[in-house]
Amino acid sequence: MNTKSVIPVGTQRAVTRRDTNPFSFLQQEIDRLFDGVSRNIPGLATTVLPSMDISETDKAIEITAELPGLEKKDVELNVTDNLLTIRGEKKNEREEKNKDYHLVERSYGSFARSVELPSGVKIEDISAEIANGVLKVTIPKPAPKQAKQIEIKTAA
C-alpha cells in the first residue's frame, strides 16, 4: 500500500491536492504560520485542529482523532472523491466571576481535517465511533488487485 495515500491533506482551507495546484504547499505553510500565531492571541483563536493518528493493520486503516469535549452531534464525517473529511465545531465556553476575579477559557471554533484514501475503498464499509472525546474511523482496505494474463491469439 502506498503510505502517501493516507497522509492527512490539511485543514479546511488547504484541501486542494498538490498535483493540481502548484501554490497549495505555499498556501498551507502560510495558513499554518497564521494559525500558530493566532492561537497565542486571546480572543483571536478560532481554529481548533484536533490531533490525529493514522495506523494500518492487515485488514484496515484506522484513524484516531482527539476531539475533547465533543459528542456525536458536534462532528461530521464525509467522503468525497476518495477524500475523507472530519469536520466539527467546539462551542465557546467562557466563565468570568468578578469577585476575586476568576476566569476560565477554553479553545473553541470550527475545524476540518482531511485524509486522502487509497483507491478502491468501499465507502459503505467505513465505520466510525466516538467515545470519551476520541473519534475512531475504521476503513477496510480494498482487496489487492489481481493480475490477469491475457492469451495472445495468432491471426488466421
C-alpha atoms as a PDB file:
ATOM      1  CA  MET A   1       0.000   0.000   0.000  1.00  0.00           C
ATOM      2  CA  ASN A   2       1.212   3.481  -0.789  1.00  0.00           C
ATOM      3  CA  THR A   3       1.801   5.276   2.540  1.00  0.00           C
ATOM      4  CA  LYS A   4       1.443   8.699   0.892  1.00  0.00           C
ATOM      5  CA  SER A   5      -2.204   7.951   0.174  1.00  0.00           C
ATOM      6  CA  VAL A   6      -3.168   8.111   3.876  1.00  0.00           C
ATOM      7  CA  ILE A   7      -1.196  11.204   4.892  1.00  0.00           C
ATOM      8  CA  PRO A   8      -3.530  13.986   6.118  1.00  0.00           C
ATOM      9  CA  VAL A   9      -4.161  16.569   3.451  1.00  0.00           C
ATOM     10  CA  GLY A  10      -4.599  19.527   5.795  1.00  0.00           C
ATOM     11  CA  THR A  11      -7.126  21.942   7.184  1.00  0.00           C
ATOM     12  CA  GLN A  12     -10.324  23.023   5.514  1.00  0.00           C
ATOM     13  CA  ARG A  13      -8.532  25.845   3.712  1.00  0.00           C
ATOM     14  CA  ALA A  14      -5.859  23.559   2.275  1.00  0.00           C
ATOM     15  CA  VAL A  15      -7.683  20.533   0.888  1.00  0.00           C
ATOM     16  CA  THR A  16      -6.546  21.131  -2.685  1.00  0.00           C
ATOM     17  CA  ARG A  17      -4.211  18.458  -3.945  1.00  0.00           C
ATOM     18  CA  ARG A  18      -0.626  19.445  -4.626  1.00  0.00           C
ATOM     19  CA  ASP A  19      -0.628  17.979  -8.120  1.00  0.00           C
ATOM     20  CA  THR A  20      -3.499  20.235  -9.240  1.00  0.00           C
ATOM     21  CA  ASN A  21      -2.300  23.490  -7.681  1.00  0.00           C
ATOM     22  CA  PRO A  22       1.409  24.342  -7.592  1.00  0.00           C
ATOM     23  CA  PHE A  23       0.808  27.021  -4.950  1.00  0.00           C
ATOM     24  CA  SER A  24      -1.086  24.808  -2.480  1.00  0.00           C
ATOM     25  CA  PHE A  25       2.058  23.953  -0.478  1.00  0.00           C
ATOM     26  CA  LEU A  26       2.846  27.659  -0.088  1.00  0.00           C
ATOM     27  CA  GLN A  27      -0.766  28.337   0.959  1.00  0.00           C
ATOM     28  CA  GLN A  28      -0.619  25.508   3.522  1.00  0.00           C
ATOM     29  CA  GLU A  29       2.566  26.922   5.034  1.00  0.00           C
ATOM     30  CA  ILE A  30       1.109  30.438   5.239  1.00  0.00           C
ATOM     31  CA  ASP A  31      -2.080  29.073   6.845  1.00  0.00           C
ATOM     32  CA  ARG A  32      -0.009  27.042   9.327  1.00  0.00           C
ATOM     33  CA  LEU A  33       2.045  30.113  10.237  1.00  0.00           C
ATOM     34  CA  PHE A  34      -1.006  32.300  10.877  1.00  0.00           C
ATOM     35  CA  ASP A  35      -2.832  29.509  12.733  1.00  0.00           C
ATOM     36  CA  GLY A  36       0.159  29.194  15.080  1.00  0.00           C
ATOM     37  CA  VAL A  37       0.278  32.942  15.712  1.00  0.00           C
ATOM     38  CA  SER A  38      -3.481  33.296  16.254  1.00  0.00           C
ATOM     39  CA  ARG A  39      -3.540  30.530  18.895  1.00  0.00           C
ATOM     40  CA  ASN A  40      -1.343  32.668  21.155  1.00  0.00           C
ATOM     41  CA  ILE A  41      -3.547  35.766  20.962  1.00  0.00           C
ATOM     42  CA  PRO A  42      -6.580  35.569  23.305  1.00  0.00           C
ATOM     43  CA  GLY A  43      -9.884  36.108  21.517  1.00  0.00           C
ATOM     44  CA  LEU A  44      -8.351  35.559  18.084  1.00  0.00           C
ATOM     45  CA  ALA A  45      -8.046  31.786  18.147  1.00  0.00           C
ATOM     46  CA  THR A  46     -10.938  30.450  16.077  1.00  0.00           C
ATOM     47  CA  THR A  47      -9.314  27.355  14.601  1.00  0.00           C
ATOM     48  CA  VAL A  48      -9.117  24.140  16.575  1.00  0.00           C
ATOM     49  CA  LEU A  49      -7.027  21.409  14.940  1.00  0.00           C
ATOM     50  CA  PRO A  50      -7.538  18.011  16.533  1.00  0.00           C
ATOM     51  CA  SER A  51      -4.554  15.691  16.807  1.00  0.00           C
ATOM     52  CA  MET A  52      -4.799  12.632  14.574  1.00  0.00           C
ATOM     53  CA  ASP A  53      -3.088   9.253  14.400  1.00  0.00           C
ATOM     54  CA  ILE A  54      -3.266   7.075  11.296  1.00  0.00           C
ATOM     55  CA  SER A  55      -2.319   3.431  11.604  1.00  0.00           C
ATOM     56  CA  GLU A  56      -2.614   0.379   9.435  1.00  0.00           C
ATOM     57  CA  THR A  57      -3.373  -3.264  10.135  1.00  0.00           C
ATOM     58  CA  ASP A  58      -3.518  -6.173   7.723  1.00  0.00           C
ATOM     59  CA  LYS A  59      -7.191  -5.538   7.018  1.00  0.00           C
ATOM     60  CA  ALA A  60      -7.871  -1.858   7.714  1.00  0.00           C
ATOM     61  CA  ILE A  61      -6.650   1.699   8.025  1.00  0.00           C
ATOM     62  CA  GLU A  62      -7.514   3.243  11.389  1.00  0.00           C
ATOM     63  CA  ILE A  63      -7.773   6.970  12.004  1.00  0.00           C
ATOM     64  CA  THR A  64      -7.993   8.187  15.586  1.00  0.00           C
ATOM     65  CA  ALA A  65      -8.733  11.866  16.254  1.00  0.00           C
ATOM     66  CA  GLU A  66      -8.727  13.566  19.651  1.00  0.00           C
ATOM     67  CA  LEU A  67     -11.885  15.644  19.982  1.00  0.00           C
ATOM     68  CA  PRO A  68     -12.070  16.506  23.691  1.00  0.00           C
ATOM     69  CA  GLY A  69     -15.436  17.786  24.816  1.00  0.00           C
ATOM     70  CA  LEU A  70     -17.165  16.883  21.541  1.00  0.00           C
ATOM     71  CA  GLU A  71     -20.012  14.444  21.051  1.00  0.00           C
ATOM     72  CA  LYS A  72     -21.547  12.724  18.036  1.00  0.00           C
ATOM     73  CA  LYS A  73     -23.805  15.722  17.323  1.00  0.00           C
ATOM     74  CA  ASP A  74     -20.770  18.052  17.091  1.00  0.00           C
ATOM     75  CA  VAL A  75     -18.860  16.020  14.465  1.00  0.00           C
ATOM     76  CA  GLU A  76     -19.487  15.324  10.764  1.00  0.00           C
ATOM     77  CA  LEU A  77     -17.702  12.701   8.658  1.00  0.00           C
ATOM     78  CA  ASN A  78     -17.838  12.824   4.831  1.00  0.00           C
ATOM     79  CA  VAL A  79     -16.133  11.077   1.915  1.00  0.00           C
ATOM     80  CA  THR A  80     -15.974  12.785  -1.467  1.00  0.00           C
ATOM     81  CA  ASP A  81     -13.695  11.701  -4.318  1.00  0.00           C
ATOM     82  CA  ASN A  82     -11.565   9.471  -2.030  1.00  0.00           C
ATOM     83  CA  LEU A  83     -11.093  12.345   0.431  1.00  0.00           C
ATOM     84  CA  LEU A  84     -12.316  11.611   3.964  1.00  0.00           C
ATOM     85  CA  THR A  85     -13.083  14.815   5.890  1.00  0.00           C
ATOM     86  CA  ILE A  86     -13.663  15.094   9.630  1.00  0.00           C
ATOM     87  CA  ARG A  87     -15.439  18.371  10.361  1.00  0.00           C
ATOM     88  CA  GLY A  88     -16.852  19.777  13.566  1.00  0.00           C
ATOM     89  CA  GLU A  89     -17.197  22.685  15.919  1.00  0.00           C
ATOM     90  CA  LYS A  90     -16.285  23.182  19.541  1.00  0.00           C
ATOM     91  CA  LYS A  91     -18.530  25.735  21.210  1.00  0.00           C
ATOM     92  CA  ASN A  92     -17.206  28.677  23.203  1.00  0.00           C
ATOM     93  CA  GLU A  93     -17.134  28.123  26.947  1.00  0.00           C
ATOM     94  CA  ARG A  94     -16.239  31.165  28.977  1.00  0.00           C
ATOM     95  CA  GLU A  95     -16.777  31.852  32.638  1.00  0.00           C
ATOM     96  CA  GLU A  96     -15.994  35.094  34.431  1.00  0.00           C
ATOM     97  CA  LYS A  97     -16.554  35.904  38.064  1.00  0.00           C
ATOM     98  CA  ASN A  98     -15.854  39.405  39.300  1.00  0.00           C
ATOM     99  CA  LYS A  99     -15.485  38.503  42.969  1.00  0.00           C
ATOM    100  CA  ASP A 100     -11.808  37.564  43.440  1.00  0.00           C
ATOM    101  CA  TYR A 101     -11.732  37.608  39.628  1.00  0.00           C
ATOM    102  CA  HIS A 102     -11.860  34.056  38.295  1.00  0.00           C
ATOM    103  CA  LEU A 103     -11.528  33.436  34.548  1.00  0.00           C
ATOM    104  CA  VAL A 104     -11.674  30.155  32.622  1.00  0.00           C
ATOM    105  CA  GLU A 105     -11.145  29.995  28.847  1.00  0.00           C
ATOM    106  CA  ARG A 106     -11.013  27.035  26.518  1.00  0.00           C
ATOM    107  CA  SER A 107     -10.186  26.896  22.833  1.00  0.00           C
ATOM    108  CA  TYR A 108     -13.156  26.853  20.511  1.00  0.00           C
ATOM    109  CA  GLY A 109     -14.045  27.130  16.854  1.00  0.00           C
ATOM    110  CA  SER A 110     -14.676  25.007  13.819  1.00  0.00           C
ATOM    111  CA  PHE A 111     -12.210  22.580  12.273  1.00  0.00           C
ATOM    112  CA  ALA A 112     -11.777  20.269   9.316  1.00  0.00           C
ATOM    113  CA  ARG A 113      -9.121  17.622   8.776  1.00  0.00           C
ATOM    114  CA  SER A 114      -8.914  15.623   5.549  1.00  0.00           C
ATOM    115  CA  VAL A 115      -7.190  12.384   4.585  1.00  0.00           C
ATOM    116  CA  GLU A 116      -6.836  11.054   1.065  1.00  0.00           C
ATOM    117  CA  LEU A 117      -7.966   7.427   0.897  1.00  0.00           C
ATOM    118  CA  PRO A 118      -6.436   4.763  -1.342  1.00  0.00           C
ATOM    119  CA  SER A 119      -8.367   3.956  -4.492  1.00  0.00           C
ATOM    120  CA  GLY A 120     -10.782   1.050  -4.325  1.00  0.00           C
ATOM    121  CA  VAL A 121     -12.068   1.728  -0.793  1.00  0.00           C
ATOM    122  CA  LYS A 122     -15.755   0.871  -0.414  1.00  0.00           C
ATOM    123  CA  ILE A 123     -17.302   3.927   1.215  1.00  0.00           C
ATOM    124  CA  GLU A 124     -20.246   1.938   2.587  1.00  0.00           C
ATOM    125  CA  ASP A 125     -17.840  -0.246   4.645  1.00  0.00           C
ATOM    126  CA  ILE A 126     -16.282   2.688   6.550  1.00  0.00           C
ATOM    127  CA  SER A 127     -17.293   2.781  10.209  1.00  0.00           C
ATOM    128  CA  ALA A 128     -16.815   5.390  12.931  1.00  0.00           C
ATOM    129  CA  GLU A 129     -17.438   5.661  16.644  1.00  0.00           C
ATOM    130  CA  ILE A 130     -16.825   8.346  19.227  1.00  0.00           C
ATOM    131  CA  ALA A 131     -16.289   7.788  22.939  1.00  0.00           C
ATOM    132  CA  ASN A 132     -14.739   9.984  25.626  1.00  0.00           C
ATOM    133  CA  GLY A 133     -13.717  12.630  23.095  1.00  0.00           C
ATOM    134  CA  VAL A 134     -11.887  10.191  20.808  1.00  0.00           C
ATOM    135  CA  LEU A 135     -13.170   9.522  17.288  1.00  0.00           C
ATOM    136  CA  LYS A 136     -12.082   6.226  15.726  1.00  0.00           C
ATOM    137  CA  VAL A 137     -12.657   5.708  11.999  1.00  0.00           C
ATOM    138  CA  THR A 138     -12.045   2.269  10.511  1.00  0.00           C
ATOM    139  CA  ILE A 139     -11.554   1.973   6.757  1.00  0.00           C
ATOM    140  CA  PRO A 140     -11.355  -1.586   5.418  1.00  0.00           C
ATOM    141  CA  LYS A 141      -8.528  -1.990   2.917  1.00  0.00           C
ATOM    142  CA  PRO A 142      -9.520  -2.768  -0.647  1.00  0.00           C
ATOM    143  CA  ALA A 143      -8.778  -6.252  -1.926  1.00  0.00           C
ATOM    144  CA  PRO A 144      -5.456  -6.459  -3.745  1.00  0.00           C
ATOM    145  CA  LYS A 145      -5.783  -6.183  -7.485  1.00  0.00           C
ATOM    146  CA  GLN A 146      -5.454  -9.449  -9.326  1.00  0.00           C
ATOM    147  CA  ALA A 147      -3.173  -9.689 -12.314  1.00  0.00           C
ATOM    148  CA  LYS A 148      -4.690 -11.463 -15.283  1.00  0.00           C
ATOM    149  CA  GLN A 149      -2.711 -12.883 -18.117  1.00  0.00           C
ATOM    150  CA  ILE A 150      -4.382 -12.444 -21.471  1.00  0.00           C
ATOM    151  CA  GLU A 151      -3.884 -15.088 -24.103  1.00  0.00           C
ATOM    152  CA  ILE A 152      -2.495 -13.811 -27.368  1.00  0.00           C
ATOM    153  CA  LYS A 153      -4.045 -15.423 -30.427  1.00  0.00           C
ATOM    154  CA  THR A 154      -2.474 -15.642 -33.827  1.00  0.00           C
ATOM    155  CA  ALA A 155      -4.324 -14.083 -36.686  1.00  0.00           C
ATOM    156  CA  ALA A 156      -5.519 -16.540 -39.275  1.00  0.00           C
END
